[in-house]
Protein backbone atom coordinates (compact mmCIF):
# COMPACT_ATOMS: atom_id res chain seq x y z
CA MET A 1 47.16 21.29 -11.21
CA ARG A 2 50.67 20.82 -10.15
CA SER A 3 52.55 18.84 -12.75
CA LEU A 4 56.12 17.71 -13.20
CA LEU A 5 56.02 18.45 -16.90
CA PHE A 6 58.27 21.35 -17.82
CA LEU A 7 61.30 22.06 -19.99
CA LEU A 8 64.40 22.71 -17.94
CA ALA A 9 66.59 25.45 -19.31
CA THR A 10 69.95 24.37 -20.66
CA LEU A 11 72.32 27.01 -21.91
CA VAL A 12 74.60 26.33 -24.86
CA PRO A 13 78.19 26.97 -23.78
CA ALA A 14 80.77 28.69 -25.90
CA LEU A 15 81.91 25.78 -28.02
CA PRO A 16 85.38 24.67 -28.93
CA ALA A 17 85.74 22.88 -32.26
CA LEU A 18 83.66 19.70 -31.89
CA ALA A 19 83.04 16.80 -34.19
CA GLN A 20 80.13 17.55 -36.50
CA GLY A 21 76.83 16.95 -34.72
CA CYS A 22 77.93 16.60 -31.09
CA GLU A 23 76.31 19.90 -30.12
CA ASP A 24 73.34 19.54 -32.50
CA ARG A 25 70.28 18.99 -30.29
CA SER A 26 67.98 18.67 -33.28
CA GLN A 27 69.38 15.35 -34.43
CA ASP A 28 69.03 11.77 -33.26
CA HIS A 29 70.47 11.31 -29.78
CA GLU A 30 72.26 8.09 -30.65
CA ALA A 31 74.01 9.86 -33.52
CA ARG A 32 74.97 12.67 -31.15
CA ILE A 33 76.54 10.19 -28.76
CA LEU A 34 78.73 8.79 -31.53
CA ALA A 35 79.68 12.31 -32.63
CA CYS A 36 80.55 13.27 -29.07
CA ASP A 37 82.73 10.17 -28.69
CA GLN A 38 84.60 11.31 -31.78
CA ALA A 39 84.85 14.85 -30.41
CA PHE A 40 86.24 13.53 -27.14
CA ALA A 41 88.82 11.42 -28.97
CA MET A 42 89.89 14.50 -30.96
CA ALA A 43 89.89 16.89 -27.98
CA SER A 44 93.00 19.05 -27.85
CA ASP A 45 92.50 20.34 -24.32
CA ALA A 46 90.53 19.82 -21.12
CA GLU A 47 87.78 22.23 -22.15
CA ALA A 48 87.08 20.45 -25.43
CA ALA A 49 87.06 17.08 -23.66
CA ALA A 50 84.69 18.34 -20.96
CA ILE A 51 82.23 19.87 -23.42
CA ALA A 52 82.17 16.73 -25.58
CA LEU A 53 81.45 14.60 -22.53
CA ALA A 54 78.81 17.03 -21.26
CA PHE A 55 76.94 16.95 -24.57
CA LYS A 56 77.15 13.17 -24.55
CA GLY A 57 75.77 13.12 -21.02
CA GLU A 58 72.90 15.35 -22.10
CA ALA A 59 72.06 13.02 -25.00
CA LEU A 60 72.14 10.01 -22.67
CA ARG A 61 69.83 11.82 -20.24
CA LEU A 62 67.37 12.58 -23.03
CA LEU A 63 67.39 8.87 -23.86
CA THR A 64 66.65 8.23 -20.14
CA ARG A 65 69.90 6.30 -19.81
CA PHE A 66 70.42 8.01 -16.50
CA ASP A 67 73.14 5.86 -14.92
CA GLU A 68 75.34 6.18 -18.00
CA ALA A 69 74.67 9.92 -18.14
CA GLU A 70 75.77 10.34 -14.53
CA VAL A 71 79.09 8.60 -15.14
CA VAL A 72 79.81 10.67 -18.25
CA LEU A 73 78.85 13.99 -16.64
CA LYS A 74 81.01 13.31 -13.60
CA ASP A 75 83.88 12.53 -15.95
CA ALA A 76 83.22 15.87 -17.66
CA LEU A 77 83.30 17.59 -14.27
CA GLY A 78 86.69 16.03 -13.63
CA PHE A 79 88.06 17.94 -16.60
CA MET A 80 86.33 21.24 -15.72
CA PRO A 81 85.00 21.36 -12.14
CA GLU A 82 84.18 25.07 -12.43
CA ASN A 83 82.03 24.79 -15.54
CA GLY A 84 78.53 25.94 -14.58
CA TRP A 85 76.85 24.25 -17.53
CA ILE A 86 78.04 20.79 -16.46
CA TRP A 87 76.64 21.39 -12.98
CA ILE A 88 73.34 22.51 -14.56
CA GLU A 89 73.20 19.35 -16.64
CA LEU A 90 73.83 17.27 -13.52
CA GLY A 91 70.92 19.13 -11.95
CA ASN A 92 68.72 18.36 -14.95
CA LEU A 93 69.68 14.71 -14.68
CA ALA A 94 68.81 14.59 -10.98
CA TYR A 95 65.47 16.26 -11.65
CA ASP A 96 64.61 13.85 -14.46
CA ARG A 97 65.43 10.98 -12.10
CA GLY A 98 62.95 12.30 -9.57
CA GLU A 99 65.63 13.52 -7.16
CA PRO A 100 64.76 17.21 -6.70
CA ALA A 101 66.92 17.69 -3.60
CA ASP A 102 69.99 16.62 -5.57
CA ALA A 103 68.90 18.85 -8.45
CA LEU A 104 68.72 21.77 -6.05
CA ALA A 105 72.24 21.07 -4.83
CA HIS A 106 73.62 20.86 -8.37
CA TYR A 107 71.97 24.10 -9.48
CA SER A 108 73.36 25.77 -6.38
CA ALA A 109 76.81 24.44 -7.26
CA ALA A 110 76.41 25.91 -10.75
CA LEU A 111 75.57 29.29 -9.25
CA ALA A 112 78.63 29.10 -7.01
CA VAL A 113 80.81 29.20 -10.13
CA GLU A 114 78.66 31.16 -12.59
CA ASP A 115 75.87 33.76 -12.43
CA SER A 116 73.64 31.89 -14.87
CA ALA A 117 70.03 32.69 -15.78
CA ASP A 118 69.51 29.02 -16.59
CA ALA A 119 70.70 27.88 -13.17
CA TRP A 120 68.59 30.51 -11.39
CA ALA A 121 65.47 29.57 -13.38
CA ASN A 122 65.97 25.82 -12.94
CA ARG A 123 66.55 26.22 -9.22
CA ALA A 124 63.35 28.30 -9.05
CA GLU A 125 61.55 25.37 -10.68
CA VAL A 126 62.73 23.03 -7.94
CA TRP A 127 61.71 25.49 -5.24
CA TRP A 128 58.27 25.57 -6.88
CA GLN A 129 58.08 21.78 -6.73
CA PHE A 130 58.90 22.02 -3.01
CA ARG A 131 56.11 24.64 -2.60
CA ARG A 132 58.63 27.25 -1.48
CA GLY A 133 57.01 30.21 -3.22
CA GLY A 134 59.24 32.89 -1.72
CA ARG A 135 62.48 31.17 -2.71
CA CYS A 136 61.05 30.34 -6.13
CA ASP A 137 60.13 34.00 -6.65
CA ALA A 138 63.56 35.23 -5.57
CA ASP A 139 65.41 32.88 -7.92
CA ALA A 140 63.10 33.73 -10.83
CA ASP A 141 63.88 37.40 -10.23
CA GLU A 142 67.59 36.63 -10.44
CA ALA A 143 67.09 34.86 -13.77
CA LEU A 144 65.11 37.83 -15.08
CA ARG A 145 67.77 40.24 -13.81
CA ILE A 146 70.19 38.55 -16.20
CA ASP A 147 67.72 38.14 -19.07
CA ALA A 148 64.35 39.90 -18.90
CA ASP A 149 63.37 38.24 -22.18
CA PHE A 150 63.90 34.69 -20.91
CA ALA A 151 60.49 33.13 -21.60
CA TYR A 152 61.00 30.24 -19.18
CA ALA A 153 62.02 32.56 -16.35
CA ASN A 154 58.90 34.66 -16.94
CA GLU A 155 56.74 31.54 -16.87
CA ILE A 156 58.23 30.14 -13.66
CA LYS A 157 57.99 33.61 -12.07
CA GLY A 158 54.26 33.50 -12.79
CA ARG A 159 53.90 30.13 -11.07
CA CYS A 160 55.80 31.39 -8.03
CA LEU A 161 53.42 34.33 -7.77
CA ILE A 162 50.33 32.10 -7.90
CA ASP A 163 51.71 30.17 -4.93
CA LEU A 164 52.24 33.48 -3.12
CA GLY A 165 48.60 34.46 -3.67
CA ARG A 166 49.49 37.04 -6.33
CA ALA A 167 47.66 35.50 -9.28
CA GLU A 168 46.71 38.86 -10.82
CA GLU A 169 50.39 39.84 -11.01
CA ALA A 170 51.27 36.39 -12.34
CA LEU A 171 49.12 36.94 -15.43
CA GLY A 172 51.52 39.58 -16.71
CA TYR A 173 54.44 37.16 -16.58
CA PHE A 174 52.53 34.43 -18.41
CA ASP A 175 51.51 36.95 -21.06
CA ARG A 176 55.13 38.04 -21.37
CA ALA A 177 56.30 34.43 -21.79
CA ILE A 178 53.65 33.82 -24.46
CA ALA A 179 54.57 37.05 -26.27
CA LEU A 180 58.21 35.95 -26.33
CA TYR A 181 57.35 32.40 -27.38
CA PRO A 182 53.74 32.10 -28.67
CA GLY A 183 53.89 28.31 -28.76
CA TYR A 184 54.88 28.04 -25.09
CA GLN A 185 52.30 25.43 -24.05
CA ASN A 186 53.20 25.45 -20.37
CA ALA A 187 52.77 29.23 -20.18
CA TRP A 188 49.27 28.88 -21.65
CA ARG A 189 48.50 26.10 -19.16
CA ASN A 190 49.64 28.10 -16.16
CA LYS A 191 47.87 31.25 -17.29
CA LEU A 192 44.72 29.16 -16.88
CA ALA A 193 45.80 28.35 -13.32
CA ALA A 194 46.12 32.05 -12.52
CA LEU A 195 42.71 32.87 -14.00
CA ALA A 196 41.10 29.99 -12.11
CA ALA A 197 42.70 31.18 -8.85
CA LEU A 198 41.07 34.57 -9.49
CA GLY A 199 37.69 32.94 -10.11
CA ARG A 200 37.61 34.14 -13.73
CA HIS A 201 36.26 30.87 -15.07
CA GLU A 202 34.75 32.13 -18.31
CA GLU A 203 38.16 33.58 -19.20
CA VAL A 204 39.74 30.21 -18.42
CA VAL A 205 37.53 28.62 -21.06
CA ALA A 206 38.27 31.37 -23.60
CA VAL A 207 42.04 31.24 -23.07
CA ALA A 208 42.02 27.43 -23.18
CA ASP A 209 40.16 27.56 -26.50
CA GLU A 210 42.82 29.93 -27.85
CA ALA A 211 45.66 27.71 -26.62
CA LEU A 212 44.02 24.67 -28.24
CA ARG A 213 43.40 26.41 -31.57
CA PRO A 214 45.34 24.66 -34.37
CA GLY A 215 48.72 26.22 -34.99
CA VAL A 216 48.99 28.15 -31.71
CA VAL A 217 51.21 25.46 -30.17
CA PRO A 218 53.07 23.86 -33.10
CA ASP A 219 54.10 20.65 -31.32
CA PRO A 220 51.76 20.20 -28.34
CA LEU A 221 52.62 17.68 -25.66
CA PRO A 222 49.61 15.41 -25.09
CA GLU A 223 50.09 15.52 -21.31
CA ILE A 224 49.83 19.30 -21.21
CA GLU A 225 47.03 19.36 -23.76
CA GLU A 226 45.03 17.03 -21.53
CA ASP A 227 45.75 19.29 -18.57
CA ILE A 228 44.54 22.35 -20.50
CA LEU A 229 41.36 20.51 -21.46
CA SER A 230 40.91 19.43 -17.85
CA ARG A 231 41.28 22.98 -16.53
CA ARG A 232 38.84 24.16 -19.17
CA LEU A 233 36.29 21.55 -18.11
CA LEU A 234 36.63 22.30 -14.39
CA SER A 235 36.01 26.00 -15.05
CA LEU A 236 33.15 25.30 -17.45
CA ALA A 237 31.50 23.27 -14.70
CA ARG A 238 31.35 26.45 -12.57
CA TYR A 239 28.82 28.20 -14.81
CA ALA A 240 27.58 26.11 -17.75
CA PRO A 241 24.39 24.00 -17.77
CA ALA A 242 24.83 20.47 -16.45
CA ALA A 243 24.01 18.89 -19.82
CA THR A 244 26.74 20.93 -21.52
CA VAL A 245 29.28 20.06 -18.85
CA THR A 246 28.45 16.35 -18.97
CA ALA A 247 28.77 16.33 -22.76
CA GLU A 248 32.17 18.06 -22.52
CA ALA A 249 33.29 15.54 -19.88
CA ASP A 250 32.27 12.66 -22.15
CA ALA A 251 34.18 14.25 -25.05
CA LEU A 252 37.28 14.60 -22.88
CA LEU A 253 37.02 10.95 -21.77
CA ALA A 254 36.68 9.87 -25.39
CA ARG A 255 39.94 11.66 -26.19
CA TYR A 256 41.75 10.92 -22.95
CA PRO A 257 40.09 7.88 -21.32
CA HIS A 258 41.99 8.32 -18.06
CA SER A 259 41.10 11.97 -17.51
CA LEU A 260 40.64 12.51 -13.78
CA ALA A 261 39.03 15.90 -14.34
CA ALA A 262 36.30 14.38 -16.52
CA LEU A 263 35.58 11.71 -13.92
CA ASP A 264 35.43 14.35 -11.21
CA VAL A 265 33.02 16.54 -13.16
CA LYS A 266 30.73 13.63 -14.03
CA GLY A 267 30.74 12.43 -10.45
CA ARG A 268 29.98 15.92 -9.12
CA ALA A 269 27.10 16.34 -11.58
CA LEU A 270 25.54 13.05 -10.50
CA LEU A 271 26.08 13.93 -6.84
CA ASP A 272 24.32 17.27 -7.29
CA GLU A 273 21.40 15.43 -8.90
CA GLY A 274 21.13 13.14 -5.88
CA ARG A 275 22.26 10.09 -7.85
CA LEU A 276 24.71 9.02 -5.16
CA GLU A 277 25.30 5.40 -6.13
CA GLU A 278 25.89 6.34 -9.78
CA ALA A 279 28.31 9.06 -8.68
CA ASP A 280 30.15 6.50 -6.57
CA GLN A 281 30.39 4.10 -9.49
CA VAL A 282 31.57 6.74 -11.98
CA THR A 283 34.33 7.95 -9.63
CA GLN A 284 35.81 4.56 -8.77
CA ALA A 285 38.59 5.04 -11.34
CA LEU A 286 39.25 8.49 -9.87
CA ARG A 287 39.40 6.99 -6.39
CA GLN A 288 41.76 4.20 -7.44
CA ASN A 289 43.92 6.46 -9.66
CA ALA A 290 45.83 3.44 -10.89
CA GLY A 291 48.34 5.58 -12.77
CA GLY A 292 49.24 7.60 -9.69
CA ARG A 293 48.48 10.87 -11.46
CA PRO A 294 48.45 14.19 -9.57
CA MET A 295 45.17 14.75 -7.75
CA GLU A 296 43.41 18.09 -7.45
CA ALA A 297 41.79 19.34 -4.26
CA SER A 298 38.43 19.35 -6.05
CA TYR A 299 38.77 15.62 -6.78
CA HIS A 300 39.21 14.80 -3.10
CA ASP A 301 36.34 17.15 -2.25
CA THR A 302 34.02 15.26 -4.63
CA LEU A 303 35.12 11.90 -3.24
CA ALA A 304 34.65 13.13 0.33
CA GLN A 305 31.08 14.18 -0.35
CA ILE A 306 30.33 10.82 -1.95
CA ASP A 307 31.93 9.06 1.02
CA VAL A 308 29.72 10.98 3.45
CA GLY A 309 26.61 10.05 1.53
CA MET A 310 27.66 6.41 1.42
CA GLY A 311 28.40 6.37 5.16
CA ARG A 312 32.16 5.91 4.70
CA LEU A 313 33.01 8.51 7.29
CA GLU A 314 36.69 7.71 7.77
CA ASP A 315 37.23 7.82 4.00
CA ALA A 316 35.39 11.13 3.94
CA TRP A 317 37.66 12.50 6.67
CA ALA A 318 40.76 11.40 4.73
CA ASN A 319 39.55 12.99 1.50
CA TYR A 320 38.53 16.26 3.14
CA SER A 321 41.97 16.38 4.80
CA ALA A 322 43.69 15.71 1.47
CA ALA A 323 41.65 18.44 -0.22
CA LEU A 324 42.75 20.96 2.43
CA ASP A 325 46.37 19.87 2.07
CA LEU A 326 46.26 20.60 -1.66
CA ASP A 327 44.22 23.80 -1.44
CA PRO A 328 44.31 25.56 1.95
CA THR A 329 41.88 28.21 0.65
CA LEU A 330 39.13 25.59 0.86
CA SER A 331 39.17 26.08 4.63
CA ARG A 332 37.04 29.22 4.30
CA ALA A 333 34.38 27.45 2.23
CA TYR A 334 34.40 24.45 4.58
CA ALA A 335 34.09 26.78 7.59
CA ARG A 336 30.99 28.42 6.10
CA SER A 337 29.48 25.03 5.31
CA LEU A 338 30.20 23.70 8.81
CA SER A 339 28.75 26.83 10.39
CA GLY A 340 25.53 26.21 8.49
CA LEU A 341 25.44 22.71 9.97
CA GLY A 342 25.91 24.07 13.50
CA PHE A 343 29.62 23.33 13.88
CA LEU A 344 31.30 26.72 13.68
CA PRO A 345 35.13 26.28 13.67
CA LEU A 346 37.12 28.25 16.21
CA SER A 347 39.17 29.58 13.29
CA ASN A 348 39.43 29.23 9.52
CA SER A 349 42.82 27.56 9.86
CA ARG A 350 43.22 24.04 8.54
CA SER A 351 43.42 22.61 12.07
CA GLY A 352 40.39 24.59 13.26
CA VAL A 353 38.30 23.47 10.30
CA LEU A 354 39.34 19.84 10.64
CA THR A 355 38.48 19.83 14.36
CA ALA A 356 34.97 21.10 13.60
CA LEU A 357 34.66 18.67 10.70
CA ARG A 358 35.57 15.75 12.94
CA ARG A 359 32.84 16.74 15.40
CA CYS A 360 30.34 17.13 12.58
CA LEU A 361 31.09 13.68 11.15
CA ASP A 362 30.91 12.09 14.59
CA VAL A 363 27.57 13.68 15.41
CA LYS A 364 25.71 14.10 12.14
CA LYS A 365 27.39 11.22 10.30
CA SER A 366 26.02 10.96 6.73
CA ALA A 367 24.20 14.29 7.13
CA CYS A 368 27.56 16.09 7.46
CA ARG A 369 28.06 16.94 3.80
CA VAL A 370 30.53 19.82 3.69
CA THR A 371 31.00 21.50 0.32
CA GLY A 372 34.00 23.37 -1.05
């Protein structure tokens, strides 16, 4: 599951004498802002003024006061235009605002003035969001060149490798990140992604159970915890009895009522039992996705199969297409399924599979149930 939840790296610069608390990230952000205003007023040189403003900008960003943060950080840059940390913080601000292209530009500007592991790792993160696995991998390597023990750089390197089809190799980087920082929730989450990509679903469940064990992640983020539980459920559904899977899906929905994975699993179980109308009803919330949450290829695949059974052929086409967009490896499974229906694709490419699928839907209509 591709998620925007991650912790951007932010290096701590060499600090001039600052007012007490301006650089203290553990305290209340409002108090930090006041302390940084005092530090700026007391600044004896351009460097001290720039650092005080940059810390203030960071605190404003963390309070999601983005417009104010931008003004303050640009003021800081006016004092020290060649300070890499300020450029990194501008990149973090752009990313938090949902402007990854601007974030990429700011991290690149940071690297133009400083060979920084933080800037390399953060830029790798943006490349990963853009699905540019090669560039992501190269930037992660640069971060690790500077600091091989940088947990975040190891974790993002692992994600890059999954996108490059090197999930087995990725596992080593996730394990390294967890060894460096045992409570690294995102590293646990993405280790599950690598195991799932390798088809090692029983290991996904075992590793998820370890990640969810009390005390392993001291301060778990609910969003990532839900994602770990969702990945666990999707893997469990690959081998466990239907009754067990349904019970786990119900438990997940009781804890996280908007879990898309639980809805998908319940819908798929009903579909496999031939209870089409019930499956359609259960997955309505998944179909509507009112919160606009990230969709998995498997969700679209489930919806497509329900659409076919219900005679909604254009909806089925759209969902099959969306599933292939999110997971191109599905093309091989779809090709096998289409071949069994008498519509052998000319190739296993996305376009070849979709051409055969279109013919199948046009000819066989609701009998064209292709499975991933």
